[in-house]
Amino acid sequence: MEWAGVVTLLLVICVSCHLLISSKRKRLQKGKLPPGPTPLPLIGNFLQIKSGETLKYLLKLYEKYGPVFTVYLGTRPVLVLCGHQAVKEALIDKAEEFSGRSTKPTFEMAVEGYGVGFSNGERWKQLRRFSITVLKNFGMGKKSIEKRIQEEAQFLLEEFRKMKGKPLDPTDPLRNAVSNIISSIVFGDRFDYEDEEFQALMRLINDFYWEASSTWSQLYDMFPTFLKYFPGPHNRVNDIMSHLSCFIAKRVKKNQETLDSNFPRDFIDCYLIQMEKEKGNPLSEFTNKNLEVSIFTLFFAGTETVSSTLRYGFLFLMKYPEVQAKVHEEIDRVIGHNRIPNNEDQRQMPYTDAVIHEIQRFCDLVPMNVAHMVTCDTEFRGYFIPKGMEVCPVLSTVLHDPTMFKNPNSFNPENFLDENGCFKKNDAFVPFSSGKRICLGESMARMELFLFFTTILQNFQLKPLVPPEDLDPTPLETGFISVPPIYQLSFIPR
């Protein structure tokens, strides 16, 4: 009997193994990972990627392998999607399957899967739902936020007027102004541009922005399990995030000490009230860590994306003076000089609207998107994509897709105008990404861009210090974000 039991057990094990192997083979027969360059053990495709040129490498692979391929960053396989159609099929047509978030190792040390921008599953759903509701309650997409942007634009004009036409690097004034919009929502008020606390925060945001796009950051993202044990520049992001966490913690404590549950003043108040409501719920995601990382996400995204786009925009308008002249003409005709611009003007200003869209398309601010992750085993274009696999939808290839834009590598507002000069939408316009992970502050960012641009150009001519043809819009770094070049210009009153 004992031998019979042993034989039976062995048979069960053999049959089980056979079934597992058979199941795996069938799954692989249905499809396997897309093709790509052959990876080396441990280092993957590292030797094929030049320092700081990950995007260039992916674009070369796009030419060789087509719109869907696999690349290995160290031992980590990454599904790369290129071109409008492939990205749309993933992020829109299979939105749920591709709605996960894979956090860059550079960020993971600091965020650990917390916050509205870096979380997954039920945590992400709770935080995103809450964040969108609060942003709308504090005016996103409404007249109240429009008024805040209009008021901030006037403070920005004063900064430029102080220069009296002298050359100026616009980086700090633009960052200060844009940051104050999200500050008014998150912290309940704007900061004076000279405020020491505010300037310290801006320096931290700027440092994070640079480090997240640096060559060292790209290197760390390939070999996190190895490099995390060694000191070096790759640790700067974590250090910066620690300082940001201290700043945020102080602001949260200040709100807690003066909180009135009946009259929430800002995002922090609303979150603290929700925390109290869900105090007894073990499944609640309203924790201090989620609050801290969510504030950082909102603040960083709400500052750098718009301010960097404005910096690129000024550069393009100086490089193409005929475009700037047409924008001036439309502003003078539709708005004039006796009132400040409002968001309703956009409907009557198709050329200016097209220019702003083209600036966003051409500057390619987040070229490789924020990494996605497959939430379950899924089939995509005949390939098997396993649950948890990192996905890189290369937005740069969508914004420069020749099937969607004429002369995609040239700056041309006509990309967003029809034959009658009316504004024309384009499905490949995805600077805010698309699908379930689309930027939650998109409508506010669009309003900021229009109102800041039109207000500044209503009052000033942008004058370069060198001939237009000598202006070079090449980014200083192209990693997580395309960092605009540093330049100066003169704001000449009109």
Protein backbone atom coordinates (compact mmCIF):
# COMPACT_ATOMS: atom_id res chain seq x y z
CA MET A 1 0.00 0.00 0.00
CA GLU A 2 2.82 2.38 0.81
CA TRP A 3 4.48 1.77 -2.57
CA ALA A 4 1.12 2.22 -4.28
CA GLY A 5 0.78 5.57 -2.53
CA VAL A 6 4.25 6.66 -3.61
CA VAL A 7 3.58 5.60 -7.21
CA THR A 8 0.26 7.46 -7.18
CA LEU A 9 1.97 10.59 -5.81
CA LEU A 10 4.67 10.39 -8.48
CA LEU A 11 2.05 9.99 -11.18
CA VAL A 12 0.14 13.03 -9.86
CA ILE A 13 3.36 15.09 -9.83
CA CYS A 14 4.29 13.96 -13.37
CA VAL A 15 0.82 14.70 -14.73
CA SER A 16 0.78 18.08 -12.98
CA CYS A 17 4.19 19.00 -14.40
CA HIS A 18 3.08 17.87 -17.84
CA LEU A 19 -0.07 19.98 -17.62
CA LEU A 20 1.90 23.03 -16.43
CA ILE A 21 4.46 22.67 -19.22
CA SER A 22 1.71 22.05 -21.76
CA SER A 23 -0.21 25.09 -20.54
CA LYS A 24 2.91 27.23 -20.76
CA ARG A 25 3.65 25.99 -24.26
CA LYS A 26 0.10 26.71 -25.39
CA ARG A 27 0.33 30.20 -23.92
CA LEU A 28 3.61 30.83 -25.69
CA GLN A 29 2.20 29.40 -28.92
CA LYS A 30 -0.53 32.02 -28.81
CA GLY A 31 2.18 34.64 -28.79
CA LYS A 32 5.46 35.61 -27.19
CA LEU A 33 7.26 38.85 -26.39
CA PRO A 34 7.75 41.12 -29.41
CA PRO A 35 11.14 40.98 -31.15
CA GLY A 36 14.02 43.23 -30.23
CA PRO A 37 17.80 43.39 -29.93
CA THR A 38 19.42 40.38 -28.28
CA PRO A 39 20.13 41.16 -24.61
CA LEU A 40 23.34 40.19 -22.83
CA PRO A 41 23.14 38.43 -19.45
CA LEU A 42 22.62 40.87 -16.53
CA ILE A 43 23.25 44.05 -18.58
CA GLY A 44 20.59 43.58 -21.25
CA ASN A 45 20.95 46.07 -24.10
CA PHE A 46 23.06 48.49 -22.04
CA LEU A 47 26.14 48.41 -24.31
CA GLN A 48 24.02 49.48 -27.28
CA ILE A 49 22.73 52.61 -25.55
CA LYS A 50 24.99 55.65 -25.59
CA SER A 51 25.14 57.61 -22.36
CA GLY A 52 22.04 59.78 -21.97
CA GLU A 53 20.63 58.79 -25.37
CA THR A 54 17.90 56.31 -24.49
CA LEU A 55 15.35 58.07 -26.72
CA LYS A 56 17.67 58.04 -29.76
CA TYR A 57 18.28 54.35 -29.24
CA LEU A 58 14.54 53.58 -29.09
CA LEU A 59 13.94 55.57 -32.26
CA LYS A 60 16.59 53.50 -34.09
CA LEU A 61 14.95 50.30 -32.88
CA TYR A 62 11.58 51.65 -34.10
CA GLU A 63 13.06 51.92 -37.60
CA LYS A 64 14.40 48.36 -37.42
CA TYR A 65 11.68 46.42 -35.58
CA GLY A 66 8.57 48.47 -36.23
CA PRO A 67 6.06 49.96 -33.77
CA VAL A 68 6.12 47.16 -31.17
CA PHE A 69 9.34 45.69 -29.77
CA THR A 70 11.06 44.57 -26.57
CA VAL A 71 14.18 46.11 -25.08
CA TYR A 72 16.02 45.01 -21.96
CA LEU A 73 17.08 47.67 -19.46
CA GLY A 74 19.47 45.55 -17.45
CA THR A 75 17.52 42.36 -16.68
CA ARG A 76 14.17 44.15 -17.02
CA PRO A 77 12.20 43.56 -20.26
CA VAL A 78 10.27 46.63 -21.43
CA LEU A 79 7.53 46.65 -24.07
CA VAL A 80 8.09 49.68 -26.31
CA LEU A 81 5.21 51.14 -28.32
CA CYS A 82 5.82 53.63 -31.14
CA GLY A 83 3.58 55.61 -33.46
CA HIS A 84 0.01 56.80 -33.11
CA GLN A 85 -1.73 53.54 -33.98
CA ALA A 86 0.20 51.23 -31.64
CA VAL A 87 -0.04 53.64 -28.69
CA LYS A 88 -3.76 54.17 -29.32
CA GLU A 89 -4.43 50.41 -29.49
CA ALA A 90 -2.75 49.98 -26.11
CA LEU A 91 -3.76 53.05 -24.08
CA ILE A 92 -7.25 53.56 -25.56
CA ASP A 93 -8.49 50.28 -27.07
CA LYS A 94 -7.02 48.15 -24.24
CA ALA A 95 -7.14 50.89 -21.64
CA GLU A 96 -7.77 48.70 -18.61
CA GLU A 97 -5.01 46.20 -19.42
CA PHE A 98 -2.44 48.98 -19.94
CA SER A 99 -3.57 51.21 -17.04
CA GLY A 100 -0.91 50.12 -14.56
CA ARG A 101 1.96 52.35 -13.48
CA SER A 102 5.56 51.17 -13.46
CA THR A 103 7.66 53.63 -11.51
CA LYS A 104 11.16 54.54 -12.66
CA PRO A 105 13.69 53.05 -10.21
CA THR A 106 15.02 56.60 -9.73
CA PHE A 107 11.62 57.63 -8.36
CA GLU A 108 10.78 54.36 -6.62
CA MET A 109 13.29 55.00 -3.84
CA ALA A 110 11.32 58.11 -2.93
CA VAL A 111 7.69 57.29 -3.74
CA GLU A 112 7.53 53.53 -3.02
CA GLY A 113 4.32 53.09 -5.01
CA TYR A 114 2.41 55.78 -3.09
CA GLY A 115 0.57 58.88 -4.30
CA VAL A 116 -1.87 59.57 -7.10
CA GLY A 117 0.79 59.51 -9.82
CA PHE A 118 2.75 56.40 -8.88
CA SER A 119 0.25 53.97 -7.35
CA ASN A 120 -1.77 51.08 -8.76
CA GLY A 121 -4.96 49.16 -8.14
CA GLU A 122 -7.47 50.30 -5.55
CA ARG A 123 -5.01 52.82 -4.09
CA TRP A 124 -4.70 54.60 -7.43
CA LYS A 125 -8.46 54.53 -8.08
CA GLN A 126 -9.28 56.05 -4.67
CA LEU A 127 -6.63 58.76 -4.91
CA ARG A 128 -7.33 59.71 -8.53
CA ARG A 129 -11.08 59.93 -7.92
CA PHE A 130 -10.52 62.09 -4.85
CA SER A 131 -7.89 64.33 -6.51
CA ILE A 132 -10.02 65.06 -9.58
CA THR A 133 -13.00 65.92 -7.36
CA VAL A 134 -10.95 68.31 -5.21
CA LEU A 135 -9.29 69.97 -8.20
CA LYS A 136 -12.72 70.58 -9.72
CA ASN A 137 -14.08 71.88 -6.41
CA PHE A 138 -11.23 74.38 -6.30
CA GLY A 139 -11.94 75.58 -9.81
CA MET A 140 -10.22 73.34 -12.37
CA GLY A 141 -11.97 74.02 -15.67
CA LYS A 142 -14.08 76.78 -14.09
CA LYS A 143 -14.15 80.57 -13.86
CA SER A 144 -12.58 80.60 -10.40
CA ILE A 145 -9.29 79.08 -11.58
CA GLU A 146 -9.40 81.27 -14.67
CA LYS A 147 -9.48 84.32 -12.40
CA ARG A 148 -6.48 83.03 -10.42
CA ILE A 149 -4.48 82.52 -13.62
CA GLN A 150 -5.44 85.99 -14.88
CA GLU A 151 -4.34 87.56 -11.59
CA GLU A 152 -1.05 85.65 -11.57
CA ALA A 153 -0.39 86.67 -15.17
CA GLN A 154 -0.54 90.31 -14.04
CA PHE A 155 2.11 89.66 -11.38
CA LEU A 156 4.24 88.04 -14.08
CA LEU A 157 3.84 91.07 -16.34
CA GLU A 158 5.16 93.28 -13.55
CA GLU A 159 8.28 91.11 -13.29
CA PHE A 160 8.94 91.58 -16.99
CA ARG A 161 8.18 95.32 -16.90
CA LYS A 162 10.78 95.81 -14.13
CA MET A 163 13.47 94.82 -16.64
CA LYS A 164 12.57 97.74 -18.96
CA GLY A 165 13.63 95.79 -22.01
CA LYS A 166 16.90 94.49 -20.55
CA PRO A 167 17.81 90.84 -21.29
CA LEU A 168 16.30 88.27 -18.96
CA ASP A 169 16.36 84.49 -18.49
CA PRO A 170 12.61 83.72 -18.23
CA THR A 171 13.05 80.45 -16.33
CA ASP A 172 12.50 81.65 -12.76
CA PRO A 173 9.68 84.14 -13.42
CA LEU A 174 7.73 81.56 -15.43
CA ARG A 175 8.30 78.80 -12.89
CA ASN A 176 7.22 81.11 -10.05
CA ALA A 177 4.04 82.20 -11.80
CA VAL A 178 2.95 78.73 -12.89
CA SER A 179 3.80 77.22 -9.52
CA ASN A 180 1.58 79.74 -7.78
CA ILE A 181 -1.48 78.36 -9.58
CA ILE A 182 -1.07 74.87 -8.15
CA SER A 183 0.10 76.41 -4.84
CA SER A 184 -3.22 78.22 -4.51
CA ILE A 185 -5.02 74.88 -4.77
CA VAL A 186 -2.68 72.67 -2.74
CA PHE A 187 -1.62 75.21 -0.07
CA GLY A 188 -4.56 77.62 -0.23
CA ASP A 189 -2.62 80.71 -1.31
CA ARG A 190 0.02 82.05 -3.66
CA PHE A 191 3.56 82.95 -2.63
CA ASP A 192 5.34 86.23 -3.16
CA TYR A 193 8.09 85.62 -5.71
CA GLU A 194 10.75 86.78 -3.22
CA ASP A 195 9.48 84.62 -0.36
CA GLU A 196 12.44 82.60 0.99
CA GLU A 197 10.38 79.49 1.68
CA PHE A 198 8.96 79.62 -1.84
CA GLN A 199 12.38 80.08 -3.41
CA ALA A 200 13.74 77.13 -1.46
CA LEU A 201 10.85 75.03 -2.77
CA MET A 202 11.49 76.21 -6.35
CA ARG A 203 15.17 75.25 -6.07
CA LEU A 204 14.20 71.76 -4.93
CA ILE A 205 11.71 71.39 -7.79
CA ASN A 206 14.32 72.59 -10.27
CA ASP A 207 16.96 70.21 -8.89
CA PHE A 208 14.55 67.28 -9.06
CA TYR A 209 13.65 68.24 -12.64
CA TRP A 210 17.31 68.20 -13.69
CA GLU A 211 18.29 65.06 -11.85
CA ALA A 212 15.28 63.07 -13.10
CA SER A 213 16.35 63.75 -16.70
CA SER A 214 20.10 63.33 -16.22
CA THR A 215 22.38 60.68 -17.70
CA TRP A 216 22.99 59.27 -14.22
CA SER A 217 19.25 58.85 -13.72
CA GLN A 218 18.94 56.93 -16.99
CA LEU A 219 21.88 54.73 -15.96
CA TYR A 220 20.39 54.00 -12.54
CA ASP A 221 17.06 53.07 -14.14
CA MET A 222 18.88 50.25 -15.98
CA PHE A 223 20.80 48.85 -12.99
CA PRO A 224 18.90 49.76 -9.82
CA THR A 225 19.57 46.46 -7.99
CA PHE A 226 23.31 46.97 -8.43
CA LEU A 227 23.77 50.75 -8.16
CA LYS A 228 21.56 51.26 -5.13
CA TYR A 229 24.35 49.86 -2.94
CA PHE A 230 26.85 52.47 -4.11
CA PRO A 231 27.08 56.21 -3.44
CA GLY A 232 27.03 58.61 -6.36
CA PRO A 233 24.98 61.15 -8.36
CA HIS A 234 22.19 58.61 -8.88
CA ASN A 235 21.21 59.10 -5.21
CA ARG A 236 20.53 62.83 -5.58
CA VAL A 237 16.87 62.34 -6.52
CA ASN A 238 16.25 60.55 -3.22
CA ASP A 239 18.04 63.31 -1.28
CA ILE A 240 15.98 66.01 -3.02
CA MET A 241 12.78 64.10 -2.33
CA SER A 242 13.69 63.90 1.36
CA HIS A 243 13.94 67.70 1.52
CA LEU A 244 10.66 68.05 -0.37
CA SER A 245 9.02 65.65 2.09
CA CYS A 246 10.15 67.82 5.00
CA PHE A 247 8.69 70.92 3.36
CA ILE A 248 5.38 69.17 2.67
CA ALA A 249 5.23 67.69 6.19
CA LYS A 250 5.57 71.21 7.69
CA ARG A 251 2.72 72.49 5.52
CA VAL A 252 0.51 69.54 6.46
CA LYS A 253 1.20 70.10 10.17
CA LYS A 254 0.34 73.79 9.79
CA ASN A 255 -3.00 72.84 8.20
CA GLN A 256 -3.74 70.29 10.93
CA GLU A 257 -3.28 72.94 13.64
CA THR A 258 -5.81 75.33 12.06
CA LEU A 259 -8.18 72.87 10.36
CA ASP A 260 -11.90 73.66 10.23
CA SER A 261 -13.74 70.66 8.80
CA ASN A 262 -16.66 72.85 7.72
CA PHE A 263 -14.49 75.20 5.66
CA PRO A 264 -11.68 73.40 3.80
CA ARG A 265 -9.19 75.92 2.41
CA ASP A 266 -7.17 73.75 0.05
CA PHE A 267 -6.27 70.26 -1.14
CA ILE A 268 -4.49 69.43 2.13
CA ASP A 269 -7.54 70.35 4.22
CA CYS A 270 -9.81 68.21 2.02
CA TYR A 271 -7.44 65.27 2.33
CA LEU A 272 -7.15 65.60 6.13
CA ILE A 273 -10.95 65.69 6.41
CA GLN A 274 -11.20 62.54 4.28
CA MET A 275 -8.54 60.86 6.43
CA GLU A 276 -10.62 61.53 9.52
CA LYS A 277 -13.79 60.22 7.84
CA GLU A 278 -12.08 56.94 6.92
CA LYS A 279 -10.18 56.54 10.19
CA GLY A 280 -11.88 53.25 10.99
CA ASN A 281 -11.67 51.82 7.47
CA PRO A 282 -8.79 49.32 7.21
CA LEU A 283 -9.00 49.46 3.40
CA SER A 284 -8.68 53.25 3.24
CA GLU A 285 -5.77 54.61 1.22
CA PHE A 286 -5.93 58.04 2.84
CA THR A 287 -2.62 57.91 4.69
CA ASN A 288 0.11 60.46 5.38
CA LYS A 289 2.46 58.84 2.87
CA ASN A 290 -0.14 58.98 0.09
CA LEU A 291 -0.83 62.62 0.95
CA GLU A 292 2.86 63.52 0.86
CA VAL A 293 3.58 61.86 -2.49
CA SER A 294 0.33 63.13 -4.04
CA ILE A 295 1.21 66.72 -3.12
CA PHE A 296 4.66 66.27 -4.63
CA THR A 297 3.15 64.82 -7.83
CA LEU A 298 0.63 67.64 -8.20
CA PHE A 299 3.22 70.29 -7.45
CA PHE A 300 5.91 68.95 -9.76
CA ALA A 301 3.53 68.19 -12.63
CA GLY A 302 1.70 71.48 -12.14
CA THR A 303 4.91 73.52 -12.22
CA GLU A 304 7.46 72.10 -14.63
CA THR A 305 5.26 70.95 -17.50
CA VAL A 306 3.59 74.32 -18.13
CA SER A 307 6.58 76.54 -17.32
CA SER A 308 8.90 74.48 -19.56
CA THR A 309 6.35 74.57 -22.39
CA LEU A 310 6.19 78.37 -22.06
CA ARG A 311 9.99 78.56 -22.24
CA TYR A 312 10.04 76.46 -25.38
CA GLY A 313 7.19 78.57 -26.75
CA PHE A 314 9.08 81.85 -26.33
CA LEU A 315 12.05 80.28 -28.09
CA PHE A 316 9.96 79.11 -31.06
CA LEU A 317 8.19 82.47 -31.40
CA MET A 318 11.55 84.25 -31.56
CA LYS A 319 12.97 81.72 -34.00
CA TYR A 320 9.93 82.14 -36.25
CA PRO A 321 9.13 85.87 -36.06
CA GLU A 322 6.44 85.55 -38.75
CA VAL A 323 4.50 83.27 -36.37
CA GLN A 324 4.87 85.76 -33.51
CA ALA A 325 3.64 88.56 -35.79
CA LYS A 326 0.49 86.59 -36.70
CA VAL A 327 -0.23 85.87 -33.03
CA HIS A 328 0.15 89.57 -32.23
CA GLU A 329 -2.23 90.45 -35.05
CA GLU A 330 -4.89 88.00 -33.83
CA ILE A 331 -4.58 89.20 -30.23
CA ASP A 332 -4.94 92.84 -31.32
CA ARG A 333 -7.97 92.02 -33.47
CA VAL A 334 -9.85 89.79 -31.02
CA ILE A 335 -8.81 91.09 -27.58
CA GLY A 336 -7.23 94.47 -28.15
CA HIS A 337 -5.29 96.27 -25.40
CA ASN A 338 -8.10 97.49 -23.13
CA ARG A 339 -8.97 94.24 -21.35
CA ILE A 340 -7.15 91.15 -20.17
CA PRO A 341 -7.53 87.87 -22.12
CA ASN A 342 -10.06 85.28 -20.96
CA ASN A 343 -10.52 81.63 -21.81
CA GLU A 344 -13.53 82.31 -24.03
CA ASP A 345 -11.25 84.22 -26.42
CA GLN A 346 -9.67 80.93 -27.44
CA ARG A 347 -12.70 80.04 -29.59
CA GLN A 348 -12.17 83.14 -31.70
CA MET A 349 -8.39 82.74 -31.96
CA PRO A 350 -7.74 79.62 -34.06
CA TYR A 351 -4.23 80.65 -35.09
CA THR A 352 -3.02 81.32 -31.54
CA ASP A 353 -4.64 78.07 -30.42
CA ALA A 354 -2.87 76.22 -33.24
CA VAL A 355 0.47 77.80 -32.29
CA ILE A 356 0.14 76.70 -28.67
CA HIS A 357 -0.73 73.16 -29.77
CA GLU A 358 2.23 73.10 -32.15
CA ILE A 359 4.55 74.30 -29.39
CA GLN A 360 3.39 71.41 -27.21
CA ARG A 361 3.75 68.94 -30.06
CA PHE A 362 7.14 70.11 -31.24
CA CYS A 363 8.82 70.59 -27.85
CA ASP A 364 8.11 66.95 -27.03
CA LEU A 365 8.30 67.62 -23.30
CA VAL A 366 7.82 64.08 -21.95
CA PRO A 367 9.16 62.08 -24.92
CA MET A 368 9.06 58.60 -23.37
CA ASN A 369 5.94 59.17 -21.29
CA VAL A 370 5.68 58.03 -17.69
CA ALA A 371 6.08 54.25 -17.77
CA HIS A 372 2.93 52.11 -17.80
CA MET A 373 2.50 48.52 -16.67
CA VAL A 374 0.28 45.68 -17.88
CA THR A 375 -2.29 44.86 -15.18
CA CYS A 376 -2.97 41.28 -16.37
CA ASP A 377 -1.74 38.76 -18.92
CA THR A 378 -2.86 40.12 -22.26
CA GLU A 379 -2.47 39.56 -25.97
CA PHE A 380 -1.36 42.52 -28.03
CA ARG A 381 -0.88 42.35 -31.80
CA GLY A 382 -0.34 38.61 -31.59
CA TYR A 383 2.22 38.78 -28.78
CA PHE A 384 1.84 37.57 -25.21
CA ILE A 385 2.41 40.38 -22.70
CA PRO A 386 2.65 39.05 -19.13
CA LYS A 387 1.10 40.78 -16.13
CA GLY A 388 3.45 43.29 -14.52
CA MET A 389 5.54 43.96 -17.65
CA GLU A 390 6.72 47.54 -17.98
CA VAL A 391 5.40 49.45 -21.00
CA CYS A 392 6.99 52.50 -22.61
CA PRO A 393 4.58 54.32 -24.96
CA VAL A 394 7.01 56.66 -26.75
CA LEU A 395 4.94 59.84 -27.05
CA SER A 396 7.64 61.43 -29.20
CA THR A 397 6.82 59.00 -32.02
CA VAL A 398 3.12 59.86 -31.76
CA LEU A 399 3.68 63.62 -31.78
CA HIS A 400 6.00 63.21 -34.78
CA ASP A 401 4.03 60.51 -36.61
CA PRO A 402 4.27 61.27 -40.38
CA THR A 403 0.90 59.61 -40.97
CA MET A 404 -0.75 62.17 -38.67
CA PHE A 405 1.30 65.34 -39.26
CA LYS A 406 2.73 66.84 -42.43
CA ASN A 407 6.46 67.53 -42.10
CA PRO A 408 6.40 66.35 -38.45
CA ASN A 409 10.00 67.39 -37.79
CA SER A 410 9.34 71.04 -38.66
CA PHE A 411 7.60 73.66 -36.53
CA ASN A 412 4.36 74.42 -38.35
CA PRO A 413 1.09 75.67 -36.74
CA GLU A 414 -0.71 74.60 -39.94
CA ASN A 415 -0.74 71.11 -38.42
CA PHE A 416 -3.74 72.29 -36.40
CA LEU A 417 -5.53 74.42 -39.00
CA ASP A 418 -7.86 73.35 -41.82
CA GLU A 419 -8.03 74.86 -45.30
CA ASN A 420 -10.34 77.61 -43.99
CA GLY A 421 -8.00 78.64 -41.17
CA CYS A 422 -10.22 77.06 -38.49
CA PHE A 423 -8.70 75.10 -35.64
CA LYS A 424 -8.43 71.37 -36.42
CA LYS A 425 -8.09 68.66 -33.78
CA ASN A 426 -5.65 65.80 -34.24
CA ASP A 427 -5.94 62.45 -32.46
CA ALA A 428 -2.14 62.16 -32.32
CA PHE A 429 -1.90 65.26 -30.10
CA VAL A 430 -1.02 63.49 -26.84
CA PRO A 431 1.37 65.68 -24.81
CA PHE A 432 -0.67 64.78 -21.71
CA SER A 433 -0.61 61.06 -22.64
CA SER A 434 -3.96 59.28 -23.15
CA GLY A 435 -6.18 56.58 -21.72
CA LYS A 436 -6.84 56.00 -18.03
CA ARG A 437 -3.50 57.51 -16.99
CA ILE A 438 -3.95 60.80 -18.83
CA CYS A 439 -2.73 63.81 -16.83
CA LEU A 440 -5.44 64.67 -14.29
CA GLY A 441 -4.64 68.40 -14.52
CA GLU A 442 -4.88 68.59 -18.32
CA SER A 443 -7.75 71.10 -18.50
CA MET A 444 -6.03 73.43 -16.03
CA ALA A 445 -2.71 73.20 -17.90
CA ARG A 446 -4.44 74.05 -21.20
CA MET A 447 -6.05 77.10 -19.63
CA GLU A 448 -2.75 78.23 -18.11
CA LEU A 449 -0.92 77.97 -21.42
CA PHE A 450 -3.51 79.99 -23.30
CA LEU A 451 -3.91 82.74 -20.71
CA PHE A 452 -0.20 83.15 -19.93
CA PHE A 453 0.77 83.18 -23.61
CA THR A 454 -1.89 85.63 -24.73
CA THR A 455 -1.41 87.95 -21.75
CA ILE A 456 2.35 88.16 -22.29
CA LEU A 457 2.10 88.59 -26.06
CA GLN A 458 -0.64 91.17 -25.67
CA ASN A 459 1.83 93.32 -23.77
CA PHE A 460 5.26 92.43 -25.16
CA GLN A 461 7.22 91.61 -28.24
CA LEU A 462 9.70 88.80 -27.61
CA LYS A 463 13.10 89.91 -28.89
CA PRO A 464 16.09 87.50 -29.11
CA LEU A 465 19.66 88.55 -28.40
CA VAL A 466 20.92 86.72 -31.51
CA PRO A 467 19.57 86.38 -35.06
CA PRO A 468 16.52 84.04 -35.16
CA GLU A 469 18.38 81.49 -37.28
CA ASP A 470 21.02 81.14 -34.55
CA LEU A 471 18.52 80.15 -31.87
CA ASP A 472 18.89 76.48 -31.04
CA PRO A 473 15.90 74.73 -29.39
CA THR A 474 17.82 71.47 -28.78
CA PRO A 475 17.09 70.23 -25.23
CA LEU A 476 19.90 70.29 -22.68
CA GLU A 477 18.85 66.83 -21.47
CA THR A 478 16.40 64.32 -22.92
CA GLY A 479 15.50 61.84 -20.22
CA PHE A 480 12.28 61.82 -18.24
CA ILE A 481 11.70 65.37 -19.52
CA SER A 482 13.21 67.33 -22.41
CA VAL A 483 14.92 70.14 -20.51
CA PRO A 484 14.68 73.43 -22.46
CA PRO A 485 17.93 75.22 -23.33
CA ILE A 486 18.95 78.20 -21.22
CA TYR A 487 18.61 81.50 -23.06
CA GLN A 488 17.86 85.19 -22.54
CA LEU A 489 15.47 87.52 -24.32
CA SER A 490 14.15 91.05 -24.06
CA PHE A 491 10.49 91.81 -23.37
CA ILE A 492 9.79 94.92 -25.44
CA PRO A 493 6.54 96.71 -24.48
CA ARG A 494 4.00 96.99 -27.28
